[in-house]
Amino acid sequence: MTAGALSVAVVSASEEVRAGLVAVASGVPGMTVSVLLSSVAQLHPPPAGPPLAIVDISRLHGRSVDASFWSMLPWRTRVVLVCRPGEPPLPADAVAAGVRAMVLPDCSRDELGIAVEAAALDHVYICPRLVGALFEATPDTGVRLSDREIETLRLVADGLSNPMIGQRMGVATMTAVGYIGRVRRKLNADSKRDLTARGIELGYLSPR
């Protein structure tokens, strides 16, 4: 760990997860948990807030974490992300937002210490158990979907109606229809059924 006590924030919508992360973090030498928050929207950039935050997204679908989420992370705050097993966010988006380490919810005290130290030094650490999922994150095809488009595709595959998709995405129904149309054009799909099939074929969706 870096010299001197490092102040960190722990952020999770789950009180249980927050308590678990604090228990693990409290055992890491040289680290002090100074702030407990339920949302990244409550984080303040340094010096008003801690220079480093442990942010839990394990209750979210990693591919559904979009630009609006990343935009809430304060500039100059380095982040250790606690990810959903097998479903980390896209690395480029995460790193651009200040994420420097990714771990799983059941990480050990030693691993959390390594992740925090890497983030504090502006280095990168990824839990070995997440590496495979990261390489599988973007299918090796000529088709590239944004996080928002992948979220749309998954909601379509779940059988939601256009108004329900808009509600889940926090946008108007017509905006959701626009997203669906854009994904259909990219995947060359004529219907929602074809869209789901193409999503599975290209690796954006898991077969059910």
C-alpha atoms as a PDB file:
ATOM      1  CA  MET A   1       0.000   0.000   0.000  1.00  0.00           C
ATOM      2  CA  THR A   2       1.123   3.561  -0.634  1.00  0.00           C
ATOM      3  CA  ALA A   3       2.775   5.567   2.129  1.00  0.00           C
ATOM      4  CA  GLY A   4       0.389   7.203   4.583  1.00  0.00           C
ATOM      5  CA  ALA A   5      -3.269   6.452   5.167  1.00  0.00           C
ATOM      6  CA  LEU A   6      -5.304   6.371   1.963  1.00  0.00           C
ATOM      7  CA  SER A   7      -8.852   7.673   2.319  1.00  0.00           C
ATOM      8  CA  VAL A   8     -11.457   5.817   0.262  1.00  0.00           C
ATOM      9  CA  ALA A   9     -15.199   5.944  -0.279  1.00  0.00           C
ATOM     10  CA  VAL A  10     -17.319   2.792  -0.461  1.00  0.00           C
ATOM     11  CA  VAL A  11     -20.347   3.068  -2.749  1.00  0.00           C
ATOM     12  CA  SER A  12     -23.122   0.490  -3.072  1.00  0.00           C
ATOM     13  CA  ALA A  13     -26.897   0.596  -3.332  1.00  0.00           C
ATOM     14  CA  SER A  14     -26.949  -2.475  -1.077  1.00  0.00           C
ATOM     15  CA  GLU A  15     -26.383  -1.912   2.631  1.00  0.00           C
ATOM     16  CA  GLU A  16     -25.298  -5.540   2.943  1.00  0.00           C
ATOM     17  CA  VAL A  17     -22.672  -5.202   0.197  1.00  0.00           C
ATOM     18  CA  ARG A  18     -21.449  -1.896   1.673  1.00  0.00           C
ATOM     19  CA  ALA A  19     -20.974  -3.524   5.055  1.00  0.00           C
ATOM     20  CA  GLY A  20     -19.118  -6.456   3.492  1.00  0.00           C
ATOM     21  CA  LEU A  21     -16.780  -4.196   1.527  1.00  0.00           C
ATOM     22  CA  VAL A  22     -16.077  -2.075   4.598  1.00  0.00           C
ATOM     23  CA  ALA A  23     -15.254  -5.210   6.583  1.00  0.00           C
ATOM     24  CA  VAL A  24     -12.760  -6.322   3.924  1.00  0.00           C
ATOM     25  CA  ALA A  25     -11.345  -2.830   3.345  1.00  0.00           C
ATOM     26  CA  SER A  26     -10.866  -2.210   7.063  1.00  0.00           C
ATOM     27  CA  GLY A  27      -8.354  -5.036   7.138  1.00  0.00           C
ATOM     28  CA  VAL A  28      -6.174  -3.523   4.401  1.00  0.00           C
ATOM     29  CA  PRO A  29      -3.127  -1.804   5.953  1.00  0.00           C
ATOM     30  CA  GLY A  30      -2.831   1.895   5.207  1.00  0.00           C
ATOM     31  CA  MET A  31      -6.430   2.311   4.031  1.00  0.00           C
ATOM     32  CA  THR A  32      -9.219   4.190   5.797  1.00  0.00           C
ATOM     33  CA  VAL A  33     -12.864   4.065   4.729  1.00  0.00           C
ATOM     34  CA  SER A  34     -13.933   7.676   5.204  1.00  0.00           C
ATOM     35  CA  VAL A  35     -17.228   7.836   3.305  1.00  0.00           C
ATOM     36  CA  LEU A  36     -20.139   5.407   2.853  1.00  0.00           C
ATOM     37  CA  LEU A  37     -22.535   6.196   0.006  1.00  0.00           C
ATOM     38  CA  SER A  38     -25.478   4.521  -1.709  1.00  0.00           C
ATOM     39  CA  SER A  39     -24.966   6.091  -5.160  1.00  0.00           C
ATOM     40  CA  VAL A  40     -22.103   7.341  -7.324  1.00  0.00           C
ATOM     41  CA  ALA A  41     -24.138  10.535  -7.766  1.00  0.00           C
ATOM     42  CA  GLN A  42     -23.205  11.353  -4.145  1.00  0.00           C
ATOM     43  CA  LEU A  43     -19.466  11.222  -4.814  1.00  0.00           C
ATOM     44  CA  HIS A  44     -17.489  14.474  -4.771  1.00  0.00           C
ATOM     45  CA  PRO A  45     -14.188  14.956  -6.605  1.00  0.00           C
ATOM     46  CA  PRO A  46     -11.042  15.480  -4.541  1.00  0.00           C
ATOM     47  CA  PRO A  47     -10.185  17.389  -2.451  1.00  0.00           C
ATOM     48  CA  ALA A  48     -13.836  17.664  -1.329  1.00  0.00           C
ATOM     49  CA  GLY A  49     -14.161  13.882  -1.598  1.00  0.00           C
ATOM     50  CA  PRO A  50     -11.757  10.947  -1.250  1.00  0.00           C
ATOM     51  CA  PRO A  51      -9.295  10.441  -4.138  1.00  0.00           C
ATOM     52  CA  LEU A  52     -10.369   6.824  -4.506  1.00  0.00           C
ATOM     53  CA  ALA A  53     -13.719   5.045  -4.444  1.00  0.00           C
ATOM     54  CA  ILE A  54     -14.698   1.386  -4.273  1.00  0.00           C
ATOM     55  CA  VAL A  55     -17.881   1.279  -6.360  1.00  0.00           C
ATOM     56  CA  ASP A  56     -20.161  -1.754  -6.366  1.00  0.00           C
ATOM     57  CA  ILE A  57     -22.073  -2.501  -9.580  1.00  0.00           C
ATOM     58  CA  SER A  58     -22.524  -6.209  -8.845  1.00  0.00           C
ATOM     59  CA  ARG A  59     -26.314  -5.819  -8.650  1.00  0.00           C
ATOM     60  CA  LEU A  60     -26.376  -4.263 -12.129  1.00  0.00           C
ATOM     61  CA  HIS A  61     -25.942  -5.882 -15.528  1.00  0.00           C
ATOM     62  CA  GLY A  62     -22.416  -4.832 -16.491  1.00  0.00           C
ATOM     63  CA  ARG A  63     -23.316  -4.273 -20.140  1.00  0.00           C
ATOM     64  CA  SER A  64     -26.207  -2.037 -19.064  1.00  0.00           C
ATOM     65  CA  VAL A  65     -23.879   0.386 -17.305  1.00  0.00           C
ATOM     66  CA  ASP A  66     -23.931   3.179 -19.866  1.00  0.00           C
ATOM     67  CA  ALA A  67     -22.569   6.669 -20.469  1.00  0.00           C
ATOM     68  CA  SER A  68     -24.973   8.252 -17.977  1.00  0.00           C
ATOM     69  CA  PHE A  69     -23.516   6.065 -15.212  1.00  0.00           C
ATOM     70  CA  TRP A  70     -19.907   6.786 -16.155  1.00  0.00           C
ATOM     71  CA  SER A  71     -20.633  10.524 -16.325  1.00  0.00           C
ATOM     72  CA  MET A  72     -21.559  10.508 -12.623  1.00  0.00           C
ATOM     73  CA  LEU A  73     -18.063   9.409 -11.591  1.00  0.00           C
ATOM     74  CA  PRO A  74     -16.175  12.556 -10.530  1.00  0.00           C
ATOM     75  CA  TRP A  75     -13.173  13.652 -12.518  1.00  0.00           C
ATOM     76  CA  ARG A  76      -9.848  12.763 -10.837  1.00  0.00           C
ATOM     77  CA  THR A  77     -11.469  10.109  -8.626  1.00  0.00           C
ATOM     78  CA  ARG A  78      -9.816   6.743  -9.202  1.00  0.00           C
ATOM     79  CA  VAL A  79     -12.235   3.832  -8.983  1.00  0.00           C
ATOM     80  CA  VAL A  80     -12.056   0.180  -7.962  1.00  0.00           C
ATOM     81  CA  LEU A  81     -15.113  -1.425  -9.541  1.00  0.00           C
ATOM     82  CA  VAL A  82     -16.827  -4.386  -7.873  1.00  0.00           C
ATOM     83  CA  CYS A  83     -18.335  -6.248 -10.828  1.00  0.00           C
ATOM     84  CA  ARG A  84     -21.007  -8.826 -11.432  1.00  0.00           C
ATOM     85  CA  PRO A  85     -19.313 -12.224 -11.986  1.00  0.00           C
ATOM     86  CA  GLY A  86     -18.915 -12.983 -15.682  1.00  0.00           C
ATOM     87  CA  GLU A  87     -20.300  -9.619 -16.762  1.00  0.00           C
ATOM     88  CA  PRO A  88     -17.821  -6.759 -16.348  1.00  0.00           C
ATOM     89  CA  PRO A  89     -18.375  -3.493 -18.238  1.00  0.00           C
ATOM     90  CA  LEU A  90     -16.532  -2.719 -21.451  1.00  0.00           C
ATOM     91  CA  PRO A  91     -12.920  -1.917 -20.443  1.00  0.00           C
ATOM     92  CA  ALA A  92     -12.447   1.155 -22.654  1.00  0.00           C
ATOM     93  CA  ASP A  93     -15.549   2.859 -21.236  1.00  0.00           C
ATOM     94  CA  ALA A  94     -14.573   2.004 -17.667  1.00  0.00           C
ATOM     95  CA  VAL A  95     -10.965   3.208 -17.937  1.00  0.00           C
ATOM     96  CA  ALA A  96     -12.044   6.456 -19.610  1.00  0.00           C
ATOM     97  CA  ALA A  97     -14.338   7.112 -16.628  1.00  0.00           C
ATOM     98  CA  GLY A  98     -11.544   6.667 -14.077  1.00  0.00           C
ATOM     99  CA  VAL A  99     -11.818   2.955 -13.303  1.00  0.00           C
ATOM    100  CA  ARG A 100      -8.391   1.507 -12.598  1.00  0.00           C
ATOM    101  CA  ALA A 101      -9.262  -1.853 -11.057  1.00  0.00           C
ATOM    102  CA  MET A 102     -12.000  -4.482 -11.290  1.00  0.00           C
ATOM    103  CA  VAL A 103     -12.678  -7.128  -8.653  1.00  0.00           C
ATOM    104  CA  LEU A 104     -15.462  -9.523  -7.715  1.00  0.00           C
ATOM    105  CA  PRO A 105     -17.723  -9.134  -4.651  1.00  0.00           C
ATOM    106  CA  ASP A 106     -15.994 -12.060  -2.899  1.00  0.00           C
ATOM    107  CA  CYS A 107     -12.479 -10.637  -3.317  1.00  0.00           C
ATOM    108  CA  SER A 108     -10.061 -11.225  -0.461  1.00  0.00           C
ATOM    109  CA  ARG A 109      -8.500  -8.529   1.695  1.00  0.00           C
ATOM    110  CA  ASP A 110      -5.170  -9.057  -0.079  1.00  0.00           C
ATOM    111  CA  GLU A 111      -6.702  -8.740  -3.541  1.00  0.00           C
ATOM    112  CA  LEU A 112      -8.637  -5.614  -2.585  1.00  0.00           C
ATOM    113  CA  GLY A 113      -5.391  -4.151  -1.249  1.00  0.00           C
ATOM    114  CA  ILE A 114      -3.654  -4.872  -4.569  1.00  0.00           C
ATOM    115  CA  ALA A 115      -6.551  -3.330  -6.511  1.00  0.00           C
ATOM    116  CA  VAL A 116      -6.645  -0.198  -4.347  1.00  0.00           C
ATOM    117  CA  GLU A 117      -2.886   0.255  -4.559  1.00  0.00           C
ATOM    118  CA  ALA A 118      -2.973  -0.101  -8.352  1.00  0.00           C
ATOM    119  CA  ALA A 119      -5.758   2.486  -8.606  1.00  0.00           C
ATOM    120  CA  ALA A 120      -3.976   4.876  -6.244  1.00  0.00           C
ATOM    121  CA  LEU A 121      -0.852   4.686  -8.425  1.00  0.00           C
ATOM    122  CA  ASP A 122      -2.962   5.136 -11.589  1.00  0.00           C
ATOM    123  CA  HIS A 123      -2.082   1.602 -12.666  1.00  0.00           C
ATOM    124  CA  VAL A 124      -4.558  -1.060 -13.763  1.00  0.00           C
ATOM    125  CA  TYR A 125      -5.549  -4.279 -11.994  1.00  0.00           C
ATOM    126  CA  ILE A 126      -8.143  -6.800 -13.188  1.00  0.00           C
ATOM    127  CA  CYS A 127      -9.170  -9.802 -11.130  1.00  0.00           C
ATOM    128  CA  PRO A 128      -7.940 -12.912 -13.008  1.00  0.00           C
ATOM    129  CA  ARG A 129     -11.437 -14.397 -12.786  1.00  0.00           C
ATOM    130  CA  LEU A 130     -12.784 -11.458 -14.818  1.00  0.00           C
ATOM    131  CA  VAL A 131     -10.194 -11.565 -17.588  1.00  0.00           C
ATOM    132  CA  GLY A 132     -11.983 -14.205 -19.673  1.00  0.00           C
ATOM    133  CA  ALA A 133     -15.271 -12.300 -19.545  1.00  0.00           C
ATOM    134  CA  LEU A 134     -13.504  -9.099 -20.592  1.00  0.00           C
ATOM    135  CA  PHE A 135     -12.061 -10.767 -23.688  1.00  0.00           C
ATOM    136  CA  GLU A 136     -15.524 -12.088 -24.525  1.00  0.00           C
ATOM    137  CA  ALA A 137     -17.141  -8.683 -23.970  1.00  0.00           C
ATOM    138  CA  THR A 138     -17.020  -7.530 -27.577  1.00  0.00           C
ATOM    139  CA  PRO A 139     -17.707 -10.185 -30.208  1.00  0.00           C
ATOM    140  CA  ASP A 140     -15.091 -10.441 -32.949  1.00  0.00           C
ATOM    141  CA  THR A 141     -17.395  -9.393 -35.788  1.00  0.00           C
ATOM    142  CA  GLY A 142     -17.710  -6.395 -38.049  1.00  0.00           C
ATOM    143  CA  VAL A 143     -20.736  -5.251 -36.024  1.00  0.00           C
ATOM    144  CA  ARG A 144     -20.108  -2.981 -33.047  1.00  0.00           C
ATOM    145  CA  LEU A 145     -22.912  -1.971 -30.699  1.00  0.00           C
ATOM    146  CA  SER A 146     -22.700   0.737 -28.056  1.00  0.00           C
ATOM    147  CA  ASP A 147     -23.557  -0.042 -24.422  1.00  0.00           C
ATOM    148  CA  ARG A 148     -26.951   1.614 -24.928  1.00  0.00           C
ATOM    149  CA  GLU A 149     -27.624  -0.459 -28.042  1.00  0.00           C
ATOM    150  CA  ILE A 150     -26.658  -3.656 -26.219  1.00  0.00           C
ATOM    151  CA  GLU A 151     -29.039  -2.707 -23.410  1.00  0.00           C
ATOM    152  CA  THR A 152     -31.786  -2.192 -26.017  1.00  0.00           C
ATOM    153  CA  LEU A 153     -31.039  -5.553 -27.619  1.00  0.00           C
ATOM    154  CA  ARG A 154     -31.270  -7.359 -24.288  1.00  0.00           C
ATOM    155  CA  LEU A 155     -34.573  -5.725 -23.401  1.00  0.00           C
ATOM    156  CA  VAL A 156     -35.971  -6.702 -26.810  1.00  0.00           C
ATOM    157  CA  ALA A 157     -34.780 -10.276 -26.219  1.00  0.00           C
ATOM    158  CA  ASP A 158     -36.564 -10.239 -22.845  1.00  0.00           C
ATOM    159  CA  GLY A 159     -39.826  -9.697 -24.740  1.00  0.00           C
ATOM    160  CA  LEU A 160     -40.570  -6.199 -23.447  1.00  0.00           C
ATOM    161  CA  SER A 161     -42.889  -3.916 -25.397  1.00  0.00           C
ATOM    162  CA  ASN A 162     -41.601  -0.624 -26.798  1.00  0.00           C
ATOM    163  CA  PRO A 163     -43.165   1.463 -23.971  1.00  0.00           C
ATOM    164  CA  MET A 164     -41.698  -0.915 -21.365  1.00  0.00           C
ATOM    165  CA  ILE A 165     -38.273  -0.715 -23.016  1.00  0.00           C
ATOM    166  CA  GLY A 166     -38.468   3.083 -22.908  1.00  0.00           C
ATOM    167  CA  GLN A 167     -39.461   2.965 -19.245  1.00  0.00           C
ATOM    168  CA  ARG A 168     -36.615   0.617 -18.330  1.00  0.00           C
ATOM    169  CA  MET A 169     -34.114   2.795 -20.209  1.00  0.00           C
ATOM    170  CA  GLY A 170     -35.496   6.020 -18.776  1.00  0.00           C
ATOM    171  CA  VAL A 171     -36.379   7.475 -22.184  1.00  0.00           C
ATOM    172  CA  ALA A 172     -39.521   8.259 -24.174  1.00  0.00           C
ATOM    173  CA  THR A 173     -41.149   5.428 -26.126  1.00  0.00           C
ATOM    174  CA  MET A 174     -40.227   7.031 -29.459  1.00  0.00           C
ATOM    175  CA  THR A 175     -36.601   7.295 -28.350  1.00  0.00           C
ATOM    176  CA  ALA A 176     -36.650   3.588 -27.505  1.00  0.00           C
ATOM    177  CA  VAL A 177     -38.162   2.871 -30.924  1.00  0.00           C
ATOM    178  CA  GLY A 178     -35.278   4.816 -32.457  1.00  0.00           C
ATOM    179  CA  TYR A 179     -32.734   2.702 -30.544  1.00  0.00           C
ATOM    180  CA  ILE A 180     -34.468  -0.490 -31.681  1.00  0.00           C
ATOM    181  CA  GLY A 181     -34.471   0.673 -35.294  1.00  0.00           C
ATOM    182  CA  ARG A 182     -30.782   1.539 -35.126  1.00  0.00           C
ATOM    183  CA  VAL A 183     -29.909  -1.894 -33.706  1.00  0.00           C
ATOM    184  CA  ARG A 184     -32.080  -3.618 -36.321  1.00  0.00           C
ATOM    185  CA  ARG A 185     -30.226  -1.790 -39.088  1.00  0.00           C
ATOM    186  CA  LYS A 186     -26.822  -2.643 -37.621  1.00  0.00           C
ATOM    187  CA  LEU A 187     -27.724  -6.310 -37.218  1.00  0.00           C
ATOM    188  CA  ASN A 188     -29.670  -6.474 -40.486  1.00  0.00           C
ATOM    189  CA  ALA A 189     -32.750  -7.836 -38.712  1.00  0.00           C
ATOM    190  CA  ASP A 190     -36.291  -7.527 -40.081  1.00  0.00           C
ATOM    191  CA  SER A 191     -38.149  -8.199 -36.827  1.00  0.00           C
ATOM    192  CA  LYS A 192     -37.637  -8.408 -33.082  1.00  0.00           C
ATOM    193  CA  ARG A 193     -37.421 -12.192 -33.380  1.00  0.00           C
ATOM    194  CA  ASP A 194     -34.691 -11.842 -36.010  1.00  0.00           C
ATOM    195  CA  LEU A 195     -32.995  -9.258 -33.802  1.00  0.00           C
ATOM    196  CA  THR A 196     -32.776 -11.722 -30.928  1.00  0.00           C
ATOM    197  CA  ALA A 197     -31.482 -14.475 -33.213  1.00  0.00           C
ATOM    198  CA  ARG A 198     -28.812 -12.173 -34.660  1.00  0.00           C
ATOM    199  CA  GLY A 199     -27.827 -11.037 -31.178  1.00  0.00           C
ATOM    200  CA  ILE A 200     -27.230 -14.661 -30.176  1.00  0.00           C
ATOM    201  CA  GLU A 201     -25.404 -15.408 -33.434  1.00  0.00           C
ATOM    202  CA  LEU A 202     -23.022 -12.474 -32.963  1.00  0.00           C
ATOM    203  CA  GLY A 203     -22.410 -13.182 -29.281  1.00  0.00           C
ATOM    204  CA  TYR A 204     -24.220 -10.175 -27.824  1.00  0.00           C
ATOM    205  CA  LEU A 205     -26.866 -12.427 -26.253  1.00  0.00           C
ATOM    206  CA  SER A 206     -26.572 -15.773 -24.505  1.00  0.00           C
ATOM    207  CA  PRO A 207     -28.690 -18.662 -25.825  1.00  0.00           C
ATOM    208  CA  ARG A 208     -31.575 -19.520 -23.510  1.00  0.00           C
END
